[in-house]
Amino acid sequence: MRLIHAALPVLALTGLAGALIAQPGKPDPAAITGGTYTADAGHTLVKWEVDHLGFTPYFGIFGDVTGTLVLDPKNPGAAKVDVTIPVAKVTTASAGLTGHLLKPAEAGKAADFFGAAPADAKFVSTAVAVSGQNATITGNLTLNGVTKPVTLAAKFYGAGKGMGGKENVGFTATGAIKRSEFNVGYAIPMVSDEVKLEIVAAFVK
């Protein structure tokens, strides 16, 4: 940051300061170009939240998401998303809880949560209904060996050329699932069955 601040006077004289400071992304759908985008694993996050004993909400994050998004600005309802979420990389603020989420099953019993070396989760869209800059995305979520339909309320966030001149597009989304439907029933109802989802999804072409 010190280097950037020191360089600003020089950049201003050369006309580059505005380019450095201005955000490249804009909440303008006209900035979206068609084609197949790849998930930006470093900037795509899935936040999950549960109710803990009725005292507080508790949340963790899945990251390193991979996959693709196919967009056609002339036909936004034809969009398709196919992403993979590495459950084994789940993150929480508590090392003990993270360890419990990935704790191996005891002999003859099911794991409390995901167990050791869990399979990746996967979401594949089956329908997209667009209204302005919002969309309802219906798809199949595969988690813990179970596939169930899930609906997400998505919103366009921004698009434009990012680092290296590549096309970028981003969205936010919310949804909810019942973890018991995916065979993750430990401590229900003390820890809520409902899991709220908040997603930030970045894609690059």
N, C-alpha and C. Protein backbone atom coordinates (compact mmCIF):
# COMPACT_ATOMS: atom_id res chain seq x y z
N MET A 1 0.83 -1.20 0.00
CA MET A 1 0.00 0.00 0.00
C MET A 1 0.86 1.25 0.00
N ARG A 2 2.00 1.29 0.76
CA ARG A 2 2.87 2.46 0.78
C ARG A 2 3.42 2.74 -0.60
N LEU A 3 3.78 1.68 -1.31
CA LEU A 3 4.32 1.84 -2.67
C LEU A 3 3.28 2.47 -3.58
N ILE A 4 2.02 2.04 -3.46
CA ILE A 4 0.96 2.59 -4.30
C ILE A 4 0.74 4.06 -3.99
N HIS A 5 0.71 4.40 -2.69
CA HIS A 5 0.50 5.80 -2.30
C HIS A 5 1.64 6.68 -2.81
N ALA A 6 2.87 6.18 -2.72
CA ALA A 6 4.02 6.96 -3.18
C ALA A 6 3.99 7.16 -4.68
N ALA A 7 3.41 6.21 -5.40
CA ALA A 7 3.40 6.28 -6.85
C ALA A 7 2.26 7.12 -7.41
N LEU A 8 1.25 7.45 -6.59
CA LEU A 8 0.08 8.15 -7.09
C LEU A 8 0.40 9.49 -7.76
N PRO A 9 1.30 10.34 -7.17
CA PRO A 9 1.60 11.60 -7.87
C PRO A 9 2.13 11.38 -9.28
N VAL A 10 3.00 10.38 -9.43
CA VAL A 10 3.57 10.09 -10.75
C VAL A 10 2.49 9.57 -11.68
N LEU A 11 1.62 8.70 -11.15
CA LEU A 11 0.55 8.14 -11.97
C LEU A 11 -0.41 9.22 -12.42
N ALA A 12 -0.66 10.18 -11.52
CA ALA A 12 -1.58 11.27 -11.87
C ALA A 12 -1.03 12.08 -13.04
N LEU A 13 0.29 12.29 -13.03
CA LEU A 13 0.90 13.06 -14.11
C LEU A 13 0.85 12.31 -15.43
N THR A 14 0.85 11.01 -15.35
CA THR A 14 0.84 10.21 -16.58
C THR A 14 -0.56 9.80 -17.01
N GLY A 15 -1.56 10.20 -16.20
CA GLY A 15 -2.93 9.89 -16.55
C GLY A 15 -3.36 8.49 -16.18
N LEU A 16 -2.56 7.78 -15.35
CA LEU A 16 -2.86 6.41 -15.01
C LEU A 16 -3.55 6.26 -13.67
N ALA A 17 -3.62 7.31 -12.88
CA ALA A 17 -4.19 7.20 -11.54
C ALA A 17 -5.64 6.76 -11.59
N GLY A 18 -6.41 7.34 -12.51
CA GLY A 18 -7.82 6.98 -12.61
C GLY A 18 -8.01 5.52 -12.94
N ALA A 19 -7.15 5.01 -13.83
CA ALA A 19 -7.26 3.61 -14.21
C ALA A 19 -6.92 2.69 -13.05
N LEU A 20 -5.97 3.16 -12.18
CA LEU A 20 -5.56 2.33 -11.06
C LEU A 20 -6.63 2.32 -9.98
N ILE A 21 -7.27 3.47 -9.72
CA ILE A 21 -8.20 3.61 -8.61
C ILE A 21 -9.60 3.12 -8.97
N ALA A 22 -10.04 3.33 -10.19
CA ALA A 22 -11.41 2.99 -10.57
C ALA A 22 -11.64 1.48 -10.50
N GLN A 23 -12.81 1.11 -10.03
CA GLN A 23 -13.18 -0.30 -10.02
C GLN A 23 -13.55 -0.74 -11.43
N PRO A 24 -13.02 -1.85 -11.88
CA PRO A 24 -13.32 -2.30 -13.25
C PRO A 24 -14.71 -2.90 -13.40
N GLY A 25 -15.25 -3.46 -12.32
CA GLY A 25 -16.56 -4.08 -12.40
C GLY A 25 -17.68 -3.09 -12.18
N LYS A 26 -18.79 -3.27 -12.91
CA LYS A 26 -19.94 -2.38 -12.78
C LYS A 26 -21.23 -3.21 -12.71
N PRO A 27 -22.21 -2.72 -11.96
CA PRO A 27 -23.51 -3.43 -11.91
C PRO A 27 -24.35 -3.15 -13.15
N ASP A 28 -23.74 -3.38 -14.30
CA ASP A 28 -24.37 -3.08 -15.59
C ASP A 28 -24.45 -4.35 -16.42
N PRO A 29 -25.65 -4.91 -16.61
CA PRO A 29 -25.78 -6.14 -17.40
C PRO A 29 -25.24 -6.03 -18.81
N ALA A 30 -25.18 -4.79 -19.34
CA ALA A 30 -24.67 -4.60 -20.69
C ALA A 30 -23.18 -4.95 -20.79
N ALA A 31 -22.51 -5.02 -19.63
CA ALA A 31 -21.09 -5.35 -19.62
C ALA A 31 -20.85 -6.85 -19.70
N ILE A 32 -21.91 -7.64 -19.66
CA ILE A 32 -21.77 -9.10 -19.72
C ILE A 32 -21.64 -9.55 -21.17
N THR A 33 -20.63 -10.35 -21.43
CA THR A 33 -20.48 -10.95 -22.76
C THR A 33 -20.82 -12.43 -22.66
N GLY A 34 -21.25 -13.01 -23.75
CA GLY A 34 -21.67 -14.40 -23.74
C GLY A 34 -20.50 -15.36 -23.75
N GLY A 35 -20.82 -16.62 -23.47
CA GLY A 35 -19.79 -17.65 -23.52
C GLY A 35 -19.74 -18.47 -22.25
N THR A 36 -18.69 -19.26 -22.14
CA THR A 36 -18.49 -20.11 -20.98
C THR A 36 -17.45 -19.50 -20.05
N TYR A 37 -17.85 -19.29 -18.83
CA TYR A 37 -16.97 -18.73 -17.80
C TYR A 37 -16.52 -19.84 -16.85
N THR A 38 -15.36 -19.63 -16.25
CA THR A 38 -14.82 -20.56 -15.26
C THR A 38 -14.90 -19.94 -13.87
N ALA A 39 -15.30 -20.73 -12.89
CA ALA A 39 -15.40 -20.22 -11.52
C ALA A 39 -14.05 -19.72 -11.03
N ASP A 40 -14.04 -18.55 -10.43
CA ASP A 40 -12.85 -18.00 -9.80
C ASP A 40 -12.78 -18.59 -8.39
N ALA A 41 -11.97 -19.63 -8.23
CA ALA A 41 -11.95 -20.38 -6.98
C ALA A 41 -11.54 -19.53 -5.78
N GLY A 42 -10.73 -18.51 -6.02
CA GLY A 42 -10.27 -17.68 -4.92
C GLY A 42 -11.28 -16.65 -4.45
N HIS A 43 -12.35 -16.44 -5.22
CA HIS A 43 -13.32 -15.40 -4.88
C HIS A 43 -14.76 -15.90 -4.93
N THR A 44 -14.93 -17.21 -4.91
CA THR A 44 -16.27 -17.80 -4.85
C THR A 44 -16.41 -18.52 -3.52
N LEU A 45 -17.40 -18.12 -2.73
CA LEU A 45 -17.57 -18.62 -1.37
C LEU A 45 -19.01 -19.06 -1.12
N VAL A 46 -19.17 -20.11 -0.34
CA VAL A 46 -20.48 -20.56 0.10
C VAL A 46 -20.51 -20.50 1.62
N LYS A 47 -21.25 -19.55 2.15
CA LYS A 47 -21.40 -19.43 3.60
C LYS A 47 -22.61 -20.26 4.04
N TRP A 48 -22.44 -21.09 5.07
CA TRP A 48 -23.57 -21.84 5.62
C TRP A 48 -23.78 -21.40 7.08
N GLU A 49 -25.03 -21.35 7.47
CA GLU A 49 -25.35 -20.86 8.82
C GLU A 49 -26.43 -21.73 9.46
N VAL A 50 -26.21 -22.08 10.72
CA VAL A 50 -27.18 -22.85 11.49
C VAL A 50 -27.49 -22.11 12.78
N ASP A 51 -28.62 -22.47 13.40
CA ASP A 51 -28.96 -21.95 14.72
C ASP A 51 -28.33 -22.88 15.77
N HIS A 52 -27.56 -22.28 16.69
CA HIS A 52 -26.85 -23.07 17.70
C HIS A 52 -27.53 -22.96 19.06
N LEU A 53 -28.31 -23.97 19.40
CA LEU A 53 -28.97 -24.09 20.70
C LEU A 53 -29.98 -22.99 20.98
N GLY A 54 -30.34 -22.22 19.98
CA GLY A 54 -31.26 -21.12 20.18
C GLY A 54 -30.61 -19.90 20.79
N PHE A 55 -29.29 -19.93 20.97
CA PHE A 55 -28.57 -18.81 21.58
C PHE A 55 -27.98 -17.86 20.53
N THR A 56 -27.37 -18.46 19.50
CA THR A 56 -26.70 -17.66 18.47
C THR A 56 -26.71 -18.41 17.15
N PRO A 57 -26.59 -17.68 16.05
CA PRO A 57 -26.32 -18.36 14.78
C PRO A 57 -24.83 -18.69 14.72
N TYR A 58 -24.49 -19.70 13.95
CA TYR A 58 -23.08 -20.05 13.75
C TYR A 58 -22.87 -20.33 12.27
N PHE A 59 -21.77 -19.82 11.74
CA PHE A 59 -21.55 -20.04 10.31
C PHE A 59 -20.13 -20.47 10.00
N GLY A 60 -20.00 -21.11 8.86
CA GLY A 60 -18.72 -21.51 8.31
C GLY A 60 -18.73 -21.27 6.81
N ILE A 61 -17.65 -21.64 6.16
CA ILE A 61 -17.49 -21.31 4.74
C ILE A 61 -16.90 -22.49 3.97
N PHE A 62 -17.42 -22.69 2.77
CA PHE A 62 -16.77 -23.54 1.78
C PHE A 62 -16.15 -22.62 0.73
N GLY A 63 -14.93 -22.93 0.32
CA GLY A 63 -14.25 -22.16 -0.72
C GLY A 63 -13.65 -23.08 -1.77
N ASP A 64 -12.73 -22.53 -2.55
CA ASP A 64 -12.07 -23.28 -3.62
C ASP A 64 -13.07 -23.94 -4.56
N VAL A 65 -14.15 -23.23 -4.83
CA VAL A 65 -15.20 -23.75 -5.72
C VAL A 65 -14.72 -23.74 -7.16
N THR A 66 -14.99 -24.82 -7.89
CA THR A 66 -14.62 -24.90 -9.30
C THR A 66 -15.88 -25.16 -10.13
N GLY A 67 -15.76 -24.95 -11.43
CA GLY A 67 -16.90 -25.22 -12.29
C GLY A 67 -17.05 -24.21 -13.40
N THR A 68 -18.23 -24.19 -14.03
CA THR A 68 -18.47 -23.33 -15.18
C THR A 68 -19.84 -22.66 -15.12
N LEU A 69 -19.93 -21.55 -15.81
CA LEU A 69 -21.18 -20.83 -16.01
C LEU A 69 -21.29 -20.47 -17.48
N VAL A 70 -22.39 -20.85 -18.09
CA VAL A 70 -22.62 -20.53 -19.50
C VAL A 70 -23.67 -19.43 -19.57
N LEU A 71 -23.33 -18.33 -20.24
CA LEU A 71 -24.22 -17.17 -20.32
C LEU A 71 -24.46 -16.76 -21.77
N ASP A 72 -25.69 -16.33 -22.04
CA ASP A 72 -26.05 -15.72 -23.31
C ASP A 72 -26.87 -14.48 -22.99
N PRO A 73 -26.26 -13.27 -23.10
CA PRO A 73 -26.98 -12.05 -22.75
C PRO A 73 -28.30 -11.87 -23.49
N LYS A 74 -28.41 -12.45 -24.69
CA LYS A 74 -29.64 -12.33 -25.46
C LYS A 74 -30.72 -13.31 -24.97
N ASN A 75 -30.30 -14.29 -24.20
CA ASN A 75 -31.24 -15.29 -23.68
C ASN A 75 -30.79 -15.70 -22.27
N PRO A 76 -30.93 -14.80 -21.29
CA PRO A 76 -30.41 -15.07 -19.94
C PRO A 76 -31.04 -16.28 -19.26
N GLY A 77 -32.26 -16.61 -19.66
CA GLY A 77 -32.91 -17.78 -19.07
C GLY A 77 -32.28 -19.10 -19.48
N ALA A 78 -31.40 -19.06 -20.47
CA ALA A 78 -30.72 -20.28 -20.92
C ALA A 78 -29.41 -20.51 -20.17
N ALA A 79 -29.12 -19.68 -19.19
CA ALA A 79 -27.88 -19.82 -18.43
C ALA A 79 -27.79 -21.19 -17.77
N LYS A 80 -26.56 -21.70 -17.65
CA LYS A 80 -26.33 -22.99 -17.01
C LYS A 80 -25.13 -22.87 -16.08
N VAL A 81 -25.27 -23.42 -14.90
CA VAL A 81 -24.16 -23.41 -13.94
C VAL A 81 -23.91 -24.82 -13.45
N ASP A 82 -22.64 -25.16 -13.34
CA ASP A 82 -22.22 -26.50 -12.89
C ASP A 82 -20.98 -26.29 -12.04
N VAL A 83 -21.13 -26.40 -10.71
CA VAL A 83 -20.01 -26.12 -9.83
C VAL A 83 -19.79 -27.26 -8.84
N THR A 84 -18.55 -27.37 -8.39
CA THR A 84 -18.15 -28.40 -7.43
C THR A 84 -17.57 -27.72 -6.19
N ILE A 85 -18.02 -28.16 -5.02
CA ILE A 85 -17.61 -27.56 -3.76
C ILE A 85 -16.85 -28.60 -2.93
N PRO A 86 -15.58 -28.35 -2.60
CA PRO A 86 -14.81 -29.34 -1.84
C PRO A 86 -15.18 -29.32 -0.35
N VAL A 87 -16.02 -30.26 0.06
CA VAL A 87 -16.48 -30.32 1.44
C VAL A 87 -15.31 -30.53 2.40
N ALA A 88 -14.30 -31.24 1.98
CA ALA A 88 -13.15 -31.53 2.84
C ALA A 88 -12.38 -30.27 3.23
N LYS A 89 -12.62 -29.16 2.54
CA LYS A 89 -11.94 -27.91 2.84
C LYS A 89 -12.82 -26.95 3.64
N VAL A 90 -13.86 -27.47 4.29
CA VAL A 90 -14.74 -26.63 5.09
C VAL A 90 -13.92 -25.85 6.12
N THR A 91 -14.33 -24.59 6.35
CA THR A 91 -13.62 -23.71 7.27
C THR A 91 -14.57 -23.14 8.31
N THR A 92 -14.16 -23.18 9.58
CA THR A 92 -14.89 -22.50 10.65
C THR A 92 -13.87 -21.76 11.50
N ALA A 93 -14.36 -20.97 12.46
CA ALA A 93 -13.46 -20.22 13.35
C ALA A 93 -12.93 -21.10 14.47
N SER A 94 -13.41 -22.33 14.57
CA SER A 94 -13.02 -23.23 15.65
C SER A 94 -12.34 -24.46 15.08
N ALA A 95 -11.08 -24.67 15.45
CA ALA A 95 -10.37 -25.85 14.98
C ALA A 95 -11.06 -27.12 15.47
N GLY A 96 -11.60 -27.07 16.70
CA GLY A 96 -12.28 -28.23 17.24
C GLY A 96 -13.52 -28.58 16.46
N LEU A 97 -14.31 -27.56 16.09
CA LEU A 97 -15.53 -27.81 15.32
C LEU A 97 -15.20 -28.29 13.92
N THR A 98 -14.20 -27.66 13.30
CA THR A 98 -13.82 -28.11 11.96
C THR A 98 -13.40 -29.58 12.00
N GLY A 99 -12.66 -29.93 13.04
CA GLY A 99 -12.25 -31.32 13.19
C GLY A 99 -13.43 -32.25 13.39
N HIS A 100 -14.45 -31.79 14.12
CA HIS A 100 -15.64 -32.61 14.35
C HIS A 100 -16.42 -32.80 13.05
N LEU A 101 -16.50 -31.76 12.24
CA LEU A 101 -17.20 -31.88 10.97
C LEU A 101 -16.57 -32.96 10.09
N LEU A 102 -15.27 -33.15 10.23
CA LEU A 102 -14.54 -34.10 9.39
C LEU A 102 -14.06 -35.32 10.20
N LYS A 103 -14.65 -35.52 11.35
CA LYS A 103 -14.25 -36.64 12.22
C LYS A 103 -14.67 -37.97 11.59
N PRO A 104 -13.77 -38.94 11.57
CA PRO A 104 -14.12 -40.25 11.01
C PRO A 104 -15.25 -40.91 11.80
N ALA A 105 -16.05 -41.68 11.12
CA ALA A 105 -17.13 -42.40 11.78
C ALA A 105 -16.56 -43.49 12.68
N GLU A 106 -17.21 -43.69 13.81
CA GLU A 106 -16.82 -44.78 14.69
C GLU A 106 -17.29 -46.10 14.08
N ALA A 107 -16.66 -47.17 14.47
CA ALA A 107 -16.98 -48.48 13.90
C ALA A 107 -18.46 -48.81 14.05
N GLY A 108 -19.08 -49.12 12.92
CA GLY A 108 -20.48 -49.51 12.93
C GLY A 108 -21.46 -48.36 13.03
N LYS A 109 -20.97 -47.13 12.99
CA LYS A 109 -21.83 -45.95 13.11
C LYS A 109 -21.61 -45.01 11.94
N ALA A 110 -22.61 -44.17 11.70
CA ALA A 110 -22.45 -43.12 10.68
C ALA A 110 -21.67 -41.96 11.28
N ALA A 111 -21.00 -41.20 10.43
CA ALA A 111 -20.27 -40.02 10.90
C ALA A 111 -21.25 -38.99 11.44
N ASP A 112 -20.82 -38.20 12.44
CA ASP A 112 -21.68 -37.16 12.98
C ASP A 112 -22.04 -36.14 11.90
N PHE A 113 -21.06 -35.75 11.11
CA PHE A 113 -21.29 -34.77 10.06
C PHE A 113 -20.84 -35.34 8.71
N PHE A 114 -19.71 -34.89 8.19
CA PHE A 114 -19.29 -35.32 6.87
C PHE A 114 -18.34 -36.52 6.89
N GLY A 115 -17.68 -36.72 8.01
CA GLY A 115 -16.73 -37.82 8.10
C GLY A 115 -15.41 -37.48 7.43
N ALA A 116 -14.48 -38.41 7.52
CA ALA A 116 -13.15 -38.20 6.94
C ALA A 116 -13.20 -38.30 5.42
N ALA A 117 -12.41 -37.46 4.76
CA ALA A 117 -12.30 -37.48 3.29
C ALA A 117 -13.66 -37.50 2.60
N PRO A 118 -14.53 -36.54 2.90
CA PRO A 118 -15.85 -36.54 2.26
C PRO A 118 -15.77 -36.22 0.78
N ALA A 119 -16.72 -36.74 0.03
CA ALA A 119 -16.79 -36.44 -1.40
C ALA A 119 -17.17 -34.98 -1.61
N ASP A 120 -16.73 -34.43 -2.72
CA ASP A 120 -17.11 -33.06 -3.07
C ASP A 120 -18.62 -32.96 -3.25
N ALA A 121 -19.15 -31.79 -2.92
CA ALA A 121 -20.54 -31.50 -3.23
C ALA A 121 -20.62 -30.93 -4.65
N LYS A 122 -21.80 -31.02 -5.26
CA LYS A 122 -21.95 -30.54 -6.63
C LYS A 122 -23.33 -29.93 -6.82
N PHE A 123 -23.38 -28.79 -7.50
CA PHE A 123 -24.65 -28.16 -7.85
C PHE A 123 -24.71 -27.99 -9.36
N VAL A 124 -25.79 -28.51 -9.96
CA VAL A 124 -25.99 -28.39 -11.40
C VAL A 124 -27.37 -27.80 -11.64
N SER A 125 -27.44 -26.67 -12.31
CA SER A 125 -28.72 -26.02 -12.55
C SER A 125 -29.57 -26.82 -13.53
N THR A 126 -30.89 -26.74 -13.33
CA THR A 126 -31.83 -27.38 -14.25
C THR A 126 -32.77 -26.36 -14.89
N ALA A 127 -32.91 -25.18 -14.27
CA ALA A 127 -33.78 -24.13 -14.83
C ALA A 127 -33.37 -22.79 -14.24
N VAL A 128 -33.49 -21.75 -15.06
CA VAL A 128 -33.19 -20.39 -14.62
C VAL A 128 -34.31 -19.47 -15.08
N ALA A 129 -34.93 -18.78 -14.13
CA ALA A 129 -35.99 -17.82 -14.45
C ALA A 129 -35.49 -16.43 -14.08
N VAL A 130 -35.39 -15.55 -15.07
CA VAL A 130 -34.79 -14.24 -14.88
C VAL A 130 -35.85 -13.15 -14.82
N SER A 131 -35.66 -12.23 -13.88
CA SER A 131 -36.51 -11.04 -13.76
C SER A 131 -35.62 -9.85 -13.47
N GLY A 132 -35.38 -9.04 -14.51
CA GLY A 132 -34.47 -7.91 -14.34
C GLY A 132 -33.07 -8.40 -14.04
N GLN A 133 -32.50 -7.94 -12.93
CA GLN A 133 -31.16 -8.36 -12.53
C GLN A 133 -31.19 -9.47 -11.49
N ASN A 134 -32.36 -10.05 -11.29
CA ASN A 134 -32.52 -11.16 -10.35
C ASN A 134 -32.87 -12.43 -11.11
N ALA A 135 -32.60 -13.56 -10.48
CA ALA A 135 -32.93 -14.84 -11.12
C ALA A 135 -33.24 -15.88 -10.05
N THR A 136 -34.14 -16.77 -10.38
CA THR A 136 -34.40 -17.93 -9.55
C THR A 136 -33.75 -19.12 -10.23
N ILE A 137 -32.79 -19.72 -9.55
CA ILE A 137 -32.05 -20.84 -10.13
C ILE A 137 -32.45 -22.12 -9.43
N THR A 138 -32.97 -23.04 -10.19
CA THR A 138 -33.33 -24.36 -9.66
C THR A 138 -32.29 -25.36 -10.15
N GLY A 139 -31.88 -26.24 -9.25
CA GLY A 139 -30.88 -27.22 -9.65
C GLY A 139 -30.83 -28.39 -8.70
N ASN A 140 -29.94 -29.31 -8.98
CA ASN A 140 -29.75 -30.49 -8.13
C ASN A 140 -28.46 -30.34 -7.34
N LEU A 141 -28.58 -30.47 -6.02
CA LEU A 141 -27.42 -30.44 -5.15
C LEU A 141 -27.11 -31.86 -4.69
N THR A 142 -25.89 -32.28 -4.94
CA THR A 142 -25.43 -33.57 -4.45
C THR A 142 -24.49 -33.32 -3.28
N LEU A 143 -24.84 -33.84 -2.12
CA LEU A 143 -24.06 -33.63 -0.90
C LEU A 143 -24.15 -34.88 -0.04
N ASN A 144 -23.02 -35.34 0.42
CA ASN A 144 -22.98 -36.49 1.32
C ASN A 144 -23.65 -37.72 0.70
N GLY A 145 -23.51 -37.84 -0.62
CA GLY A 145 -24.05 -39.00 -1.32
C GLY A 145 -25.52 -38.93 -1.65
N VAL A 146 -26.16 -37.78 -1.39
CA VAL A 146 -27.59 -37.61 -1.64
C VAL A 146 -27.79 -36.46 -2.62
N THR A 147 -28.70 -36.62 -3.56
CA THR A 147 -29.02 -35.57 -4.52
C THR A 147 -30.45 -35.10 -4.30
N LYS A 148 -30.62 -33.78 -4.10
CA LYS A 148 -31.93 -33.19 -3.87
C LYS A 148 -32.04 -31.88 -4.65
N PRO A 149 -33.27 -31.52 -5.07
CA PRO A 149 -33.45 -30.23 -5.74
C PRO A 149 -33.31 -29.08 -4.75
N VAL A 150 -32.68 -28.02 -5.19
CA VAL A 150 -32.47 -26.82 -4.37
C VAL A 150 -32.77 -25.60 -5.23
N THR A 151 -33.38 -24.58 -4.62
CA THR A 151 -33.67 -23.33 -5.33
C THR A 151 -32.88 -22.19 -4.71
N LEU A 152 -32.24 -21.40 -5.55
CA LEU A 152 -31.45 -20.26 -5.11
C LEU A 152 -32.03 -18.97 -5.68
N ALA A 153 -32.03 -17.94 -4.86
CA ALA A 153 -32.42 -16.60 -5.31
C ALA A 153 -31.13 -15.83 -5.61
N ALA A 154 -30.87 -15.61 -6.87
CA ALA A 154 -29.61 -15.00 -7.30
C ALA A 154 -29.80 -13.56 -7.74
N LYS A 155 -28.73 -12.79 -7.61
CA LYS A 155 -28.75 -11.39 -8.04
C LYS A 155 -27.44 -11.05 -8.72
N PHE A 156 -27.54 -10.41 -9.87
CA PHE A 156 -26.35 -9.93 -10.60
C PHE A 156 -25.65 -8.88 -9.76
N TYR A 157 -24.32 -8.98 -9.67
CA TYR A 157 -23.54 -8.03 -8.85
C TYR A 157 -22.67 -7.10 -9.69
N GLY A 158 -21.97 -7.66 -10.67
CA GLY A 158 -21.12 -6.79 -11.48
C GLY A 158 -20.43 -7.54 -12.60
N ALA A 159 -19.98 -6.79 -13.61
CA ALA A 159 -19.28 -7.39 -14.75
C ALA A 159 -18.30 -6.38 -15.32
N GLY A 160 -17.34 -6.89 -16.07
CA GLY A 160 -16.35 -6.01 -16.70
C GLY A 160 -15.05 -6.76 -16.91
N LYS A 161 -14.05 -6.03 -17.38
CA LYS A 161 -12.73 -6.62 -17.59
C LYS A 161 -11.89 -6.45 -16.33
N GLY A 162 -11.34 -7.56 -15.86
CA GLY A 162 -10.53 -7.54 -14.65
C GLY A 162 -9.06 -7.63 -14.96
N MET A 163 -8.32 -8.30 -14.08
CA MET A 163 -6.87 -8.42 -14.22
C MET A 163 -6.54 -9.12 -15.54
N GLY A 164 -5.58 -8.58 -16.23
CA GLY A 164 -5.15 -9.18 -17.49
C GLY A 164 -6.13 -9.01 -18.62
N GLY A 165 -7.15 -8.15 -18.42
CA GLY A 165 -8.12 -7.90 -19.47
C GLY A 165 -9.15 -8.99 -19.64
N LYS A 166 -9.22 -9.93 -18.70
CA LYS A 166 -10.19 -11.01 -18.80
C LYS A 166 -11.59 -10.54 -18.41
N GLU A 167 -12.59 -11.15 -19.04
CA GLU A 167 -13.98 -10.84 -18.72
C GLU A 167 -14.36 -11.46 -17.37
N ASN A 168 -14.97 -10.66 -16.51
CA ASN A 168 -15.40 -11.13 -15.20
C ASN A 168 -16.89 -10.86 -15.02
N VAL A 169 -17.56 -11.74 -14.28
CA VAL A 169 -18.95 -11.51 -13.93
C VAL A 169 -19.18 -12.11 -12.55
N GLY A 170 -20.00 -11.44 -11.74
CA GLY A 170 -20.22 -11.91 -10.38
C GLY A 170 -21.67 -11.83 -9.95
N PHE A 171 -22.04 -12.72 -9.05
CA PHE A 171 -23.41 -12.79 -8.55
C PHE A 171 -23.41 -13.08 -7.05
N THR A 172 -24.51 -12.76 -6.40
CA THR A 172 -24.76 -13.23 -5.05
C THR A 172 -26.01 -14.10 -5.09
N ALA A 173 -26.16 -14.96 -4.10
CA ALA A 173 -27.32 -15.83 -4.07
C ALA A 173 -27.61 -16.27 -2.64
N THR A 174 -28.85 -16.58 -2.37
CA THR A 174 -29.25 -17.11 -1.07
C THR A 174 -30.14 -18.33 -1.27
N GLY A 175 -30.19 -19.16 -0.26
CA GLY A 175 -31.04 -20.34 -0.31
C GLY A 175 -31.02 -21.02 1.05
N ALA A 176 -31.62 -22.19 1.13
CA ALA A 176 -31.66 -22.95 2.37
C ALA A 176 -31.86 -24.42 2.05
N ILE A 177 -31.29 -25.27 2.88
CA ILE A 177 -31.50 -26.71 2.77
C ILE A 177 -31.76 -27.27 4.16
N LYS A 178 -32.30 -28.48 4.21
CA LYS A 178 -32.41 -29.22 5.47
C LYS A 178 -31.32 -30.28 5.46
N ARG A 179 -30.42 -30.17 6.42
CA ARG A 179 -29.27 -31.08 6.41
C ARG A 179 -29.67 -32.53 6.66
N SER A 180 -30.79 -32.74 7.36
CA SER A 180 -31.24 -34.11 7.59
C SER A 180 -31.55 -34.83 6.28
N GLU A 181 -31.95 -34.07 5.26
CA GLU A 181 -32.26 -34.67 3.96
C GLU A 181 -31.00 -35.17 3.26
N PHE A 182 -29.84 -34.70 3.76
CA PHE A 182 -28.56 -35.13 3.19
C PHE A 182 -27.80 -36.02 4.19
N ASN A 183 -28.54 -36.62 5.10
CA ASN A 183 -27.97 -37.56 6.08
C ASN A 183 -26.91 -36.92 6.98
N VAL A 184 -27.15 -35.65 7.34
CA VAL A 184 -26.30 -34.97 8.30
C VAL A 184 -27.21 -34.52 9.45
N GLY A 185 -27.56 -35.47 10.31
CA GLY A 185 -28.59 -35.20 11.30
C GLY A 185 -28.11 -35.02 12.72
N TYR A 186 -26.81 -34.90 12.93
CA TYR A 186 -26.26 -34.81 14.28
C TYR A 186 -26.80 -33.59 15.04
N ALA A 187 -27.26 -33.83 16.29
CA ALA A 187 -27.66 -32.78 17.24
C ALA A 187 -28.92 -32.01 16.85
N ILE A 188 -29.71 -32.51 15.90
CA ILE A 188 -31.00 -31.89 15.60
C ILE A 188 -31.96 -32.26 16.74
N PRO A 189 -32.74 -31.35 17.32
CA PRO A 189 -32.96 -29.96 16.91
C PRO A 189 -32.12 -28.94 17.67
N MET A 190 -31.20 -29.38 18.55
CA MET A 190 -30.40 -28.40 19.30
C MET A 190 -29.60 -27.51 18.34
N VAL A 191 -29.08 -28.13 17.32
CA VAL A 191 -28.49 -27.38 16.20
C VAL A 191 -29.47 -27.53 15.05
N SER A 192 -29.89 -26.43 14.47
CA SER A 192 -31.01 -26.45 13.53
C SER A 192 -30.81 -27.38 12.35
N ASP A 193 -31.93 -27.96 11.93
CA ASP A 193 -31.94 -28.76 10.72
C ASP A 193 -31.75 -27.85 9.50
N GLU A 194 -32.38 -26.68 9.53
CA GLU A 194 -32.26 -25.75 8.40
C GLU A 194 -30.86 -25.14 8.36
N VAL A 195 -30.29 -25.13 7.19
CA VAL A 195 -29.00 -24.51 6.94
C VAL A 195 -29.21 -23.39 5.92
N LYS A 196 -28.96 -22.16 6.35
CA LYS A 196 -29.08 -21.03 5.44
C LYS A 196 -27.81 -20.90 4.61
N LEU A 197 -27.98 -20.59 3.35
CA LEU A 197 -26.85 -20.45 2.44
C LEU A 197 -26.75 -19.03 1.89
N GLU A 198 -25.54 -18.48 1.90
CA GLU A 198 -25.25 -17.21 1.25
C GLU A 198 -24.04 -17.43 0.35
N ILE A 199 -24.19 -17.07 -0.90
CA ILE A 199 -23.17 -17.40 -1.90
C ILE A 199 -22.70 -16.15 -2.62
N VAL A 200 -21.39 -16.05 -2.77
CA VAL A 200 -20.82 -15.05 -3.68
C VAL A 200 -20.10 -15.84 -4.77
N ALA A 201 -20.46 -15.61 -6.01
CA ALA A 201 -19.95 -16.41 -7.11
C ALA A 201 -19.28 -15.51 -8.15
N ALA A 202 -18.01 -15.75 -8.36
CA ALA A 202 -17.23 -14.99 -9.34
C ALA A 202 -16.80 -15.92 -10.47
N PHE A 203 -16.93 -15.43 -11.69
CA PHE A 203 -16.57 -16.23 -12.87
C PHE A 203 -15.71 -15.40 -13.82
N VAL A 204 -14.80 -16.08 -14.50
CA VAL A 204 -13.83 -15.41 -15.38
C VAL A 204 -13.81 -16.10 -16.74
N LYS A 205 -13.68 -15.30 -17.79
CA LYS A 205 -13.56 -15.87 -19.14
C LYS A 205 -12.30 -15.31 -19.81
